[in-house]
């Protein structure tokens, strides 16, 4: 009896063992299929990637070939156009189907653009016109507002202190001129014009306009100056040569009568020092804006002035009648 029970238990264990083996076999079969499927998908992805790479290489090759072809075609066209242009210039052909003359339409400028364009192309001429207008205005203003004097002295010196003594100079110089205006009074005007040698000076244009205006006038023929204005005044070209008429006078050097050893400073009440290069002279008759006849008449007055002044300095007060 016990033996039969053992056999039954043994048979049951064998049966369960077989069932377990069958279950294991069933579970192992899907794993093998999954591995095969995964391997197949990987290969497919790799093949697709390779095909894409080949297509990209092919596209790049075709693009390069197309670019090369276009460049060759353009070079050929340029060469053909060049040959065609040469033939046109040489008169071999009258016209060309490939080369066409292009006429640009004239652009229409607005009114502000026209003004801007005018100033852009005429800047230098406008500055010259403005400069001449300043000179003309200065001359006109001087003629209208200044009382008529018997003589006019221009003061061109770097000593700014002397600009405060123009009235004293006028009083001192009146003894060297006669009444030429018929007002029974001898009058001498003295104009101080600063010397501008630096073009960067903010007052350069104004000073030069005044200087040019006076130098173009037939009235202002007597000049007191120094070497600082040598370049703009040009004494050898503008001034009368005094040494021709006044010989053996130490203070005369060509066109200049130097004031360094005279009583000029004392007579005007100036306590400073007169520089060694400060001189007085007269302008010679030249072509100016005013009439030459007027300048000749004023030259006679200026010459008489300088003659009396030099005589007074050399011989003393008794020399003036």
Protein backbone atom coordinates (compact mmCIF):
# COMPACT_ATOMS: atom_id res chain seq x y z
CA UNK A 1 0.00 0.00 0.00
CA UNK A 2 2.75 2.40 0.90
CA UNK A 3 4.55 1.42 -2.22
CA UNK A 4 1.59 2.30 -4.42
CA UNK A 5 1.33 5.71 -2.80
CA UNK A 6 4.99 6.41 -3.51
CA UNK A 7 4.51 5.44 -7.13
CA UNK A 8 1.52 7.73 -7.42
CA UNK A 9 3.50 10.65 -5.91
CA UNK A 10 6.42 9.94 -8.18
CA UNK A 11 4.16 9.92 -11.22
CA UNK A 12 2.64 13.24 -10.16
CA UNK A 13 6.13 14.79 -9.77
CA UNK A 14 7.15 13.59 -13.21
CA UNK A 15 3.98 15.03 -14.67
CA UNK A 16 4.57 18.41 -13.04
CA UNK A 17 8.18 18.40 -14.18
CA UNK A 18 7.12 17.78 -17.79
CA UNK A 19 4.52 20.53 -17.60
CA UNK A 20 7.15 22.92 -16.27
CA UNK A 21 9.54 22.01 -19.08
CA UNK A 22 6.79 22.55 -21.64
CA UNK A 23 6.04 25.96 -20.15
CA UNK A 24 9.71 26.92 -20.28
CA UNK A 25 9.94 25.88 -23.91
CA UNK A 26 6.84 27.93 -24.75
CA UNK A 27 8.25 31.03 -23.02
CA UNK A 28 11.66 30.67 -24.69
CA UNK A 29 10.30 30.55 -28.23
CA UNK A 30 8.92 34.16 -28.31
CA UNK A 31 12.28 35.53 -27.03
CA UNK A 32 14.08 34.07 -29.98
CA UNK A 33 11.52 35.62 -32.42
CA UNK A 34 11.85 39.03 -30.73
CA UNK A 35 15.65 38.92 -31.09
CA UNK A 36 15.29 38.11 -34.77
CA UNK A 37 12.82 40.99 -35.27
CA UNK A 38 15.10 43.46 -33.43
CA UNK A 39 18.01 42.41 -35.55
CA UNK A 40 15.97 42.88 -38.72
CA UNK A 41 14.85 46.45 -37.77
CA UNK A 42 18.45 47.49 -37.03
CA UNK A 43 19.59 46.26 -40.42
CA UNK A 44 16.74 48.07 -42.12
CA UNK A 45 17.60 51.36 -40.36
CA UNK A 46 21.22 50.97 -41.33
CA UNK A 47 20.29 50.32 -44.96
CA UNK A 48 17.97 53.37 -45.02
CA UNK A 49 20.75 55.56 -43.56
CA UNK A 50 23.20 54.29 -46.17
CA UNK A 51 20.74 55.02 -48.97
CA UNK A 52 20.18 58.55 -47.63
CA UNK A 53 23.93 59.13 -47.51
CA UNK A 54 24.30 57.92 -51.09
CA UNK A 55 21.45 60.19 -52.20
CA UNK A 56 23.10 63.20 -50.44
CA UNK A 57 26.42 62.44 -52.12
CA UNK A 58 24.63 62.22 -55.45
CA UNK A 59 22.83 65.52 -54.88
CA UNK A 60 26.10 67.25 -53.98
CA UNK A 61 27.78 65.82 -57.08
CA UNK A 62 24.96 67.06 -59.30
CA UNK A 63 25.05 70.51 -57.65
CA UNK A 64 28.79 70.78 -58.26
CA UNK A 65 28.36 69.70 -61.86
CA UNK A 66 25.54 72.25 -62.33
CA UNK A 67 27.68 75.02 -60.82
CA UNK A 68 30.61 74.16 -63.03
CA UNK A 69 28.38 74.10 -66.07
CA UNK A 70 26.86 77.49 -65.23
CA UNK A 71 30.32 78.98 -64.71
CA UNK A 72 31.54 77.59 -68.02
CA UNK A 73 28.42 78.91 -69.78
CA UNK A 74 28.91 82.36 -68.20
CA UNK A 75 32.58 82.43 -69.22
CA UNK A 76 31.64 81.48 -72.77
CA UNK A 77 28.98 84.23 -72.85
CA UNK A 78 31.47 86.83 -71.60
CA UNK A 79 33.94 85.78 -74.28
CA UNK A 80 31.26 85.95 -76.97
CA UNK A 81 30.12 89.39 -75.76
CA UNK A 82 33.70 90.62 -75.76
CA UNK A 83 34.18 89.44 -79.34
CA UNK A 84 30.84 90.99 -80.31
CA UNK A 85 31.81 94.31 -78.69
CA UNK A 86 35.13 94.38 -80.53
CA UNK A 87 33.35 93.75 -83.80
CA UNK A 88 30.94 96.60 -83.06
CA UNK A 89 33.77 99.01 -82.25
CA UNK A 90 35.69 98.01 -85.36
CA UNK A 91 32.62 98.50 -87.53
CA UNK A 92 32.51 94.90 -88.67
CA UNK A 93 28.84 94.78 -87.66
CA UNK A 94 26.28 97.56 -87.23
CA UNK A 95 24.32 96.09 -84.37
CA UNK A 96 24.34 93.16 -81.99
CA UNK A 97 21.58 90.88 -80.80
CA UNK A 98 23.40 90.09 -77.57
CA UNK A 99 24.76 93.52 -76.55
CA UNK A 100 22.23 96.25 -75.99
CA UNK A 101 22.99 99.84 -75.03
CA UNK A 102 21.22 100.72 -71.81
CA UNK A 103 20.03 104.29 -71.38
CA UNK A 104 19.52 105.22 -67.75
CA UNK A 105 16.52 107.39 -67.10
CA UNK A 106 17.44 110.75 -65.65
CA UNK A 107 16.42 110.92 -62.03
CA UNK A 108 14.09 113.74 -61.07
CA UNK A 109 15.37 115.66 -58.03
CA UNK A 110 13.11 117.25 -55.49
CA UNK A 111 13.49 120.95 -54.67
CA UNK A 112 15.46 120.31 -51.43
CA UNK A 113 17.69 117.86 -53.31
CA UNK A 114 18.33 120.48 -56.02
CA UNK A 115 19.37 123.01 -53.38
CA UNK A 116 21.65 120.48 -51.66
CA UNK A 117 23.15 119.48 -54.99
CA UNK A 118 23.82 123.13 -55.90
CA UNK A 119 25.63 123.86 -52.62
CA UNK A 120 27.62 120.63 -52.91
CA UNK A 121 28.98 121.44 -56.37
CA UNK A 122 29.51 125.18 -55.80
CA UNK A 123 30.86 125.31 -52.24
CA UNK A 124 34.17 127.03 -53.10
CA UNK A 125 32.50 129.64 -55.33
CA UNK A 126 29.95 130.39 -52.63
CA UNK A 127 32.68 130.95 -50.03
CA UNK A 128 34.50 133.28 -52.43
CA UNK A 129 31.26 135.17 -53.13
CA UNK A 130 30.58 135.49 -49.39
CA UNK A 131 34.10 136.77 -48.79
CA UNK A 132 33.77 139.38 -51.56
CA UNK A 133 30.36 140.37 -50.23
CA UNK A 134 31.86 140.97 -46.78
CA UNK A 135 34.56 143.18 -48.35
CA UNK A 136 32.00 145.13 -50.39
CA UNK A 137 29.78 145.58 -47.32
CA UNK A 138 32.73 146.79 -45.27
CA UNK A 139 33.74 149.33 -47.93
CA UNK A 140 30.18 150.57 -48.34
CA UNK A 141 29.69 150.86 -44.59
CA UNK A 142 32.93 152.81 -44.27
CA UNK A 143 31.98 155.21 -47.04
CA UNK A 144 28.50 155.85 -45.64
CA UNK A 145 29.29 156.14 -41.92
CA UNK A 146 32.81 157.59 -41.76
CA UNK A 147 33.23 161.37 -41.87
CA UNK A 148 35.36 162.46 -44.81
CA UNK A 149 38.95 162.88 -43.65
CA UNK A 150 41.87 164.69 -45.27
CA UNK A 151 44.04 161.57 -44.85
CA UNK A 152 43.62 158.03 -43.56
CA UNK A 153 46.26 155.96 -41.76
CA UNK A 154 46.03 152.16 -41.53
CA UNK A 155 47.58 150.61 -38.41
CA UNK A 156 48.72 146.98 -38.97
CA UNK A 157 50.79 145.93 -35.95
CA UNK A 158 50.92 143.04 -33.49
CA UNK A 159 51.14 145.46 -30.56
CA UNK A 160 47.51 145.48 -29.42
CA UNK A 161 48.19 148.24 -26.89
CA UNK A 162 48.59 150.75 -29.71
CA UNK A 163 44.96 150.19 -30.72
CA UNK A 164 44.05 152.30 -27.68
CA UNK A 165 46.02 155.28 -29.03
CA UNK A 166 44.37 155.80 -32.43
CA UNK A 167 42.70 159.02 -31.28
CA UNK A 168 46.02 160.40 -30.02
CA UNK A 169 47.62 159.44 -33.33
CA UNK A 170 44.90 161.30 -35.24
CA UNK A 171 45.53 164.44 -33.21
CA UNK A 172 49.29 164.15 -33.71
CA UNK A 173 49.08 163.53 -37.48
CA UNK A 174 46.73 166.45 -38.23
CA UNK A 175 49.67 168.87 -38.33
CA UNK A 176 51.08 167.04 -41.38
CA UNK A 177 48.07 167.52 -43.68
CA UNK A 178 46.18 170.46 -45.13
CA UNK A 179 42.43 170.94 -45.31
CA UNK A 180 41.60 169.11 -48.53
CA UNK A 181 37.88 168.65 -47.89
CA UNK A 182 36.93 172.30 -47.55
CA UNK A 183 35.57 172.02 -44.00
CA UNK A 184 38.34 174.30 -42.68
CA UNK A 185 39.60 171.52 -40.41
CA UNK A 186 42.55 169.15 -40.94
CA UNK A 187 41.33 165.65 -40.10
CA UNK A 188 43.24 162.35 -40.08
CA UNK A 189 41.52 159.03 -39.42
CA UNK A 190 43.53 156.13 -37.98
CA UNK A 191 42.11 152.62 -38.44
CA UNK A 192 43.52 149.76 -36.40
CA UNK A 193 43.22 146.40 -38.17
CA UNK A 194 44.56 143.37 -36.23
CA UNK A 195 47.07 141.23 -38.05
CA UNK A 196 45.75 137.69 -38.67
CA UNK A 197 48.50 135.28 -39.67
CA UNK A 198 46.87 132.09 -38.37
CA UNK A 199 44.09 130.79 -40.62
CA UNK A 200 42.71 128.80 -37.67
CA UNK A 201 41.97 132.01 -35.77
CA UNK A 202 38.20 132.43 -35.36
CA UNK A 203 38.53 136.10 -36.42
CA UNK A 204 40.78 135.36 -39.40
CA UNK A 205 38.08 135.84 -42.05
CA UNK A 206 36.83 139.07 -40.49
CA UNK A 207 40.32 140.55 -40.16
CA UNK A 208 41.29 139.57 -43.69
CA UNK A 209 38.07 141.05 -45.05
CA UNK A 210 38.82 144.37 -43.34
CA UNK A 211 42.41 144.31 -44.55
CA UNK A 212 41.43 143.50 -48.15
CA UNK A 213 38.69 146.12 -48.08
CA UNK A 214 41.07 148.88 -47.01
CA UNK A 215 43.75 147.77 -49.46
CA UNK A 216 41.24 148.05 -52.30
CA UNK A 217 40.25 151.55 -51.23
CA UNK A 218 41.80 154.64 -52.85
CA UNK A 219 41.59 156.60 -49.60
CA UNK A 220 43.73 154.62 -47.14
CA UNK A 221 47.25 155.17 -48.50
CA UNK A 222 49.31 155.80 -45.34
CA UNK A 223 50.37 152.59 -43.56
CA UNK A 224 51.95 151.93 -40.15
CA UNK A 225 52.99 148.29 -39.89
CA UNK A 226 55.66 145.85 -38.73
CA UNK A 227 57.23 142.68 -40.07
CA UNK A 228 54.38 140.49 -38.76
CA UNK A 229 52.25 141.47 -41.76
CA UNK A 230 55.08 141.22 -44.29
CA UNK A 231 53.51 138.24 -46.01
CA UNK A 232 50.01 139.67 -46.44
CA UNK A 233 51.04 143.31 -47.05
CA UNK A 234 53.96 142.60 -49.44
CA UNK A 235 55.67 146.02 -49.03
CA UNK A 236 57.89 145.64 -52.11
CA UNK A 237 54.78 145.28 -54.29
CA UNK A 238 52.39 147.67 -52.53
CA UNK A 239 54.44 150.49 -50.97
CA UNK A 240 56.18 153.44 -52.59
CA UNK A 241 59.99 153.28 -52.45
CA UNK A 242 60.95 156.18 -50.15
CA UNK A 243 64.67 155.69 -50.57
CA UNK A 244 64.39 157.10 -54.12
CA UNK A 245 63.43 160.54 -52.79
CA UNK A 246 64.95 160.60 -49.30
CA UNK A 247 68.67 159.90 -49.27
CA UNK A 248 71.11 159.62 -46.41
CA UNK A 249 68.40 159.07 -43.80
CA UNK A 250 69.27 156.22 -41.45
CA UNK A 251 65.68 155.35 -40.58
CA UNK A 252 64.71 154.77 -44.22
CA UNK A 253 65.10 151.28 -45.67
CA UNK A 254 63.61 151.06 -49.13
CA UNK A 255 59.85 151.36 -48.64
CA UNK A 256 59.92 151.94 -44.87
CA UNK A 257 60.61 154.79 -42.47
CA UNK A 258 61.31 153.16 -39.09
CA UNK A 259 59.80 154.75 -35.96
CA UNK A 260 62.20 153.27 -33.42
CA UNK A 261 64.37 156.42 -32.99
CA UNK A 262 61.62 159.05 -33.31
CA UNK A 263 59.39 160.86 -30.82
CA UNK A 264 56.31 159.04 -32.16
CA UNK A 265 55.62 157.22 -28.85
CA UNK A 266 56.15 160.40 -26.82
CA UNK A 267 53.85 162.47 -29.03
CA UNK A 268 50.92 160.05 -28.67
CA UNK A 269 51.53 159.51 -24.94
CA UNK A 270 52.49 155.85 -25.30
CA UNK A 271 54.80 154.70 -22.48
CA UNK A 272 55.53 151.30 -23.96
CA UNK A 273 58.32 150.32 -26.32
CA UNK A 274 58.15 150.83 -30.07
CA UNK A 275 59.51 147.69 -31.74
CA UNK A 276 62.52 147.94 -34.02
CA UNK A 277 60.56 146.70 -37.05
CA UNK A 278 57.66 149.17 -36.77
CA UNK A 279 57.58 151.61 -39.70
CA UNK A 280 55.45 154.08 -41.66
CA UNK A 281 55.08 154.16 -45.44
CA UNK A 282 52.66 155.05 -48.24
CA UNK A 283 50.97 152.89 -50.86
CA UNK A 284 51.83 153.54 -54.46
CA UNK A 285 49.20 154.10 -57.15
CA UNK A 286 47.77 150.78 -58.33
CA UNK A 287 44.61 149.39 -59.88
CA UNK A 288 42.00 149.01 -57.12
CA UNK A 289 38.21 148.90 -56.83
CA UNK A 290 38.11 152.69 -56.63
CA UNK A 291 39.14 154.83 -59.60
CA UNK A 292 42.84 155.29 -60.39
CA UNK A 293 42.31 159.05 -60.71
CA UNK A 294 41.02 159.23 -57.15
CA UNK A 295 43.98 157.20 -55.93
CA UNK A 296 46.42 159.54 -57.72
CA UNK A 297 44.84 162.55 -56.00
CA UNK A 298 45.05 160.87 -52.60
CA UNK A 299 48.63 159.79 -53.28
CA UNK A 300 49.64 163.46 -53.56
CA UNK A 301 48.10 164.09 -50.14
CA UNK A 302 49.76 160.99 -48.65
CA UNK A 303 53.14 161.86 -50.14
CA UNK A 304 52.92 165.39 -48.71
CA UNK A 305 52.03 163.85 -45.34
CA UNK A 306 55.00 161.46 -45.28
CA UNK A 307 57.37 164.16 -46.54
CA UNK A 308 56.35 166.54 -43.72
CA UNK A 309 56.46 163.74 -41.14
CA UNK A 310 59.98 162.64 -42.11
CA UNK A 311 61.22 166.24 -42.28
CA UNK A 312 59.72 166.90 -38.85
CA UNK A 313 61.48 163.85 -37.39
CA UNK A 314 64.80 164.68 -39.00
CA UNK A 315 64.87 168.51 -38.61
CA UNK A 316 62.48 169.22 -35.74
CA UNK A 317 59.29 171.15 -35.17
CA UNK A 318 60.53 174.31 -36.94
CA UNK A 319 60.52 172.49 -40.29
CA UNK A 320 56.69 172.60 -40.47
CA UNK A 321 55.40 175.89 -41.83
